[in-house]
Amino acid sequence: MRYAHVQFRFPPALRHPMHAYLDEGEEWRSELLTWRRLPDETLVTLFRVTAPREPYLDRLRGIDSIDRFETAPGDSEFYLKAHERLGGPLESFLGAFTDTEFLSVPPIVYRSGGRLSFGVVGPPAQLRGALESVPDPIDADVERLGPYAGGRRLAGVDLTDRQREALRAAQRVGYYDVPRTGAVADVAAELGCSSSTAGAHLRKAEAALVDAFLAE
């Protein structure tokens, strides 16, 4: 199976209001974990949100296309199930992948700056056509293309999701190349956070990996 990881950048005019809201806080993000399109053209979604709960929900209540939503307990990180009416840029974006053989590999991650990234498994020959069908103002960048290796977690190593993401970003930008071709600032740009925060994620992840290795 072939895997591609793609990052999109939505211009301000095409961002979903809740995507634009992520610009207001450092490291705020939302992850689309699963979804279903209903016969009445409603999209039902399950998100994991990393942002202050009540301000986020207050903003969500003001969006006309949201029919209803419910949440699981949590303050700065919580789960959200929403029913939203499709239409406009969101529907056009989803339509680019409708008639392909691609299977999305969750999560679909929304970050500040209009960034959205996710992985897909499917025929590489169809990728170019799908990306060309994405509405023109949305930029697309294929960050990784290769065989699908699954979503394995490192056995015996207690890493947070954010630390794993930092390690993957560091690998993508060449931080672990020899000689090194990427810097912590590049990792920070991938994660949408400050360099000091990105460096902290990397140090904690690396310390956990070293501890696990030396404990064997």
Protein backbone atom coordinates (compact mmCIF):
# COMPACT_ATOMS: atom_id res chain seq x y z
CA MET A 1 0.00 0.00 0.00
CA ARG A 2 1.18 3.50 -0.80
CA TYR A 3 0.87 6.34 1.68
CA ALA A 4 0.95 10.11 1.22
CA HIS A 5 0.93 12.79 3.89
CA VAL A 6 -0.38 16.08 2.56
CA GLN A 7 -0.55 19.55 4.09
CA PHE A 8 -2.99 22.17 2.81
CA ARG A 9 -3.04 25.88 3.53
CA PHE A 10 -6.41 27.60 3.37
CA PRO A 11 -6.44 31.36 2.70
CA PRO A 12 -8.40 33.41 5.25
CA ALA A 13 -11.43 33.77 2.97
CA LEU A 14 -11.86 29.98 2.70
CA ARG A 15 -11.15 28.95 6.29
CA HIS A 16 -13.88 27.47 8.39
CA PRO A 17 -14.61 29.91 11.26
CA MET A 18 -13.36 27.39 13.84
CA HIS A 19 -10.19 26.83 11.82
CA ALA A 20 -9.58 30.58 11.82
CA TYR A 21 -10.22 30.64 15.57
CA LEU A 22 -7.10 28.51 16.13
CA ASP A 23 -4.96 31.54 15.20
CA GLU A 24 -5.87 33.13 18.53
CA GLY A 25 -3.78 30.83 20.74
CA GLU A 26 -0.38 29.14 20.63
CA GLU A 27 -0.60 25.39 20.02
CA TRP A 28 -4.39 25.43 19.74
CA ARG A 29 -5.47 22.71 17.34
CA SER A 30 -8.29 20.35 16.49
CA GLU A 31 -8.09 16.80 15.21
CA LEU A 32 -10.88 15.27 13.16
CA LEU A 33 -10.96 11.65 14.30
CA THR A 34 -13.91 10.26 12.35
CA TRP A 35 -16.83 11.53 10.30
CA ARG A 36 -19.86 10.49 8.32
CA ARG A 37 -21.82 12.21 5.57
CA LEU A 38 -25.56 11.68 6.09
CA PRO A 39 -28.19 11.42 3.31
CA ASP A 40 -29.51 14.89 4.23
CA GLU A 41 -26.06 16.37 3.37
CA THR A 42 -25.19 16.83 7.04
CA LEU A 43 -21.63 16.05 8.07
CA VAL A 44 -21.32 14.40 11.49
CA THR A 45 -17.84 14.77 12.95
CA LEU A 46 -15.90 13.77 16.05
CA PHE A 47 -13.06 16.12 17.03
CA ARG A 48 -10.42 16.19 19.72
CA VAL A 49 -9.91 19.87 20.49
CA THR A 50 -6.90 21.43 22.21
CA ALA A 51 -8.05 24.93 23.17
CA PRO A 52 -9.87 26.59 26.09
CA ARG A 53 -13.21 24.82 26.21
CA GLU A 54 -15.78 27.54 26.94
CA PRO A 55 -14.38 30.22 24.58
CA TYR A 56 -14.20 27.59 21.84
CA LEU A 57 -17.80 26.49 22.38
CA ASP A 58 -19.01 30.09 22.56
CA ARG A 59 -17.50 30.70 19.13
CA LEU A 60 -18.99 27.45 17.81
CA ARG A 61 -22.50 28.50 18.90
CA GLY A 62 -22.30 31.50 16.59
CA ILE A 63 -21.81 29.46 13.40
CA ASP A 64 -25.01 29.17 11.38
CA SER A 65 -24.06 25.91 9.65
CA ILE A 66 -23.73 24.03 12.96
CA ASP A 67 -27.05 22.36 13.70
CA ARG A 68 -26.08 20.92 17.08
CA PHE A 69 -23.15 19.57 19.03
CA GLU A 70 -22.26 17.73 22.21
CA THR A 71 -19.04 17.35 24.16
CA ALA A 72 -17.24 15.04 26.54
CA PRO A 73 -15.75 16.44 29.77
CA GLY A 74 -12.46 18.29 29.55
CA ASP A 75 -11.08 21.79 29.92
CA SER A 76 -8.11 22.58 27.66
CA GLU A 77 -8.53 19.28 25.76
CA PHE A 78 -11.94 17.77 25.07
CA TYR A 79 -13.94 15.78 22.53
CA LEU A 80 -16.62 17.34 20.36
CA LYS A 81 -19.31 15.72 18.21
CA ALA A 82 -20.93 18.14 15.76
CA HIS A 83 -23.62 18.06 13.07
CA GLU A 84 -22.88 20.59 10.32
CA ARG A 85 -24.64 21.38 7.04
CA LEU A 86 -22.32 21.04 4.07
CA GLY A 87 -21.79 23.68 1.41
CA GLY A 88 -19.24 26.14 0.06
CA PRO A 89 -15.46 25.60 0.29
CA LEU A 90 -15.74 22.65 2.71
CA GLU A 91 -17.88 20.64 0.31
CA SER A 92 -15.66 21.56 -2.66
CA PHE A 93 -12.58 20.45 -0.75
CA LEU A 94 -14.11 17.10 0.26
CA GLY A 95 -15.34 16.59 -3.30
CA ALA A 96 -11.76 16.48 -4.60
CA PHE A 97 -11.36 13.08 -2.94
CA THR A 98 -14.87 11.68 -3.40
CA ASP A 99 -14.32 9.74 -6.62
CA THR A 100 -10.88 8.36 -5.77
CA GLU A 101 -9.75 5.17 -4.09
CA PHE A 102 -8.03 7.06 -1.29
CA LEU A 103 -8.71 6.15 2.31
CA SER A 104 -8.00 8.84 4.85
CA VAL A 105 -5.75 7.92 7.77
CA PRO A 106 -7.05 9.90 10.78
CA PRO A 107 -6.54 12.25 12.39
CA ILE A 108 -7.07 15.18 10.07
CA VAL A 109 -5.23 17.93 11.93
CA TYR A 110 -6.25 21.60 11.86
CA ARG A 111 -3.65 24.14 13.00
CA SER A 112 -3.14 27.88 13.03
CA GLY A 113 -2.33 29.71 9.83
CA GLY A 114 -5.02 27.82 7.90
CA ARG A 115 -3.01 24.59 7.90
CA LEU A 116 -4.72 21.24 7.54
CA SER A 117 -2.83 17.96 7.20
CA PHE A 118 -3.70 14.30 6.88
CA GLY A 119 -2.52 11.03 5.42
CA VAL A 120 -4.13 8.97 2.69
CA VAL A 121 -3.62 5.42 1.48
CA GLY A 122 -4.28 4.81 -2.20
CA PRO A 123 -2.93 4.78 -5.76
CA PRO A 124 -0.20 7.43 -6.26
CA ALA A 125 -1.42 7.93 -9.84
CA GLN A 126 -4.65 9.40 -8.50
CA LEU A 127 -2.97 11.83 -6.13
CA ARG A 128 -2.09 14.46 -8.72
CA GLY A 129 -5.65 14.50 -10.06
CA ALA A 130 -7.13 14.81 -6.58
CA LEU A 131 -4.82 17.69 -5.67
CA GLU A 132 -5.60 19.45 -8.95
CA SER A 133 -9.30 19.24 -8.06
CA VAL A 134 -8.80 21.09 -4.78
CA PRO A 135 -10.09 24.69 -5.17
CA ASP A 136 -7.32 26.91 -6.57
CA PRO A 137 -6.77 29.27 -3.61
CA ILE A 138 -5.89 26.29 -1.38
CA ASP A 139 -2.20 25.38 -1.51
CA ALA A 140 -1.22 21.70 -1.25
CA ASP A 141 2.15 20.20 -0.39
CA VAL A 142 2.93 16.47 -0.38
CA GLU A 143 5.20 16.09 2.65
CA ARG A 144 5.77 12.36 2.50
CA LEU A 145 5.15 9.63 -0.07
CA GLY A 146 6.03 5.99 0.41
CA PRO A 147 4.83 2.61 1.63
CA TYR A 148 2.26 2.55 4.40
CA ALA A 149 3.76 1.29 7.64
CA GLY A 150 0.71 1.65 9.85
CA GLY A 151 0.25 3.76 12.95
CA ARG A 152 2.55 1.82 15.23
CA ARG A 153 3.35 3.25 18.63
CA LEU A 154 6.77 2.66 20.11
CA ALA A 155 6.49 -0.29 22.48
CA GLY A 156 7.32 0.49 26.07
CA VAL A 157 7.81 4.23 25.48
CA ASP A 158 5.34 6.61 27.08
CA LEU A 159 5.19 9.52 24.61
CA THR A 160 2.35 12.01 24.30
CA ASP A 161 0.66 12.50 20.93
CA ARG A 162 2.31 15.93 20.71
CA GLN A 163 5.76 14.48 21.34
CA ARG A 164 5.24 11.87 18.62
CA GLU A 165 4.13 14.60 16.25
CA ALA A 166 7.24 16.62 17.09
CA LEU A 167 9.47 13.63 16.30
CA ARG A 168 7.71 13.04 12.98
CA ALA A 169 8.00 16.72 12.09
CA ALA A 170 11.69 16.70 13.00
CA GLN A 171 12.27 13.73 10.73
CA ARG A 172 10.39 15.40 7.86
CA VAL A 173 12.41 18.62 8.02
CA GLY A 174 15.78 16.87 8.28
CA TYR A 175 16.48 17.57 11.94
CA TYR A 176 17.77 14.01 12.36
CA ASP A 177 19.65 13.87 9.06
CA VAL A 178 23.43 13.45 9.13
CA PRO A 179 24.55 16.12 8.51
CA ARG A 180 21.54 17.94 9.95
CA THR A 181 19.52 19.86 7.35
CA GLY A 182 16.69 21.16 9.55
CA ALA A 183 16.55 23.19 12.74
CA VAL A 184 14.26 23.41 15.75
CA ALA A 185 12.74 26.49 14.12
CA ASP A 186 11.68 24.30 11.18
CA VAL A 187 10.07 21.83 13.57
CA ALA A 188 8.27 24.71 15.28
CA ALA A 189 6.93 25.91 11.93
CA GLU A 190 5.55 22.42 11.23
CA LEU A 191 3.88 22.25 14.64
CA GLY A 192 2.63 25.82 14.67
CA CYS A 193 4.32 26.70 17.98
CA SER A 194 7.35 28.58 19.28
CA SER A 195 10.87 27.20 18.93
CA SER A 196 11.17 26.86 22.71
CA THR A 197 8.00 24.75 22.83
CA ALA A 198 9.10 22.58 19.91
CA GLY A 199 12.49 22.09 21.54
CA ALA A 200 10.84 21.05 24.80
CA HIS A 201 8.69 18.45 23.00
CA LEU A 202 11.77 17.02 21.28
CA ARG A 203 13.87 16.89 24.45
CA LYS A 204 11.16 15.12 26.44
CA ALA A 205 10.53 12.62 23.63
CA GLU A 206 14.23 11.94 23.16
CA ALA A 207 14.73 11.50 26.90
CA ALA A 208 11.91 8.94 27.01
CA LEU A 209 13.41 7.05 24.06
CA VAL A 210 16.88 7.01 25.61
CA ASP A 211 15.53 5.84 28.99
CA ALA A 212 13.62 3.02 27.29
CA PHE A 213 16.69 1.96 25.31
CA LEU A 214 19.06 1.94 28.29
CA ALA A 215 16.55 0.11 30.46
CA GLU A 216 16.65 -2.98 28.19
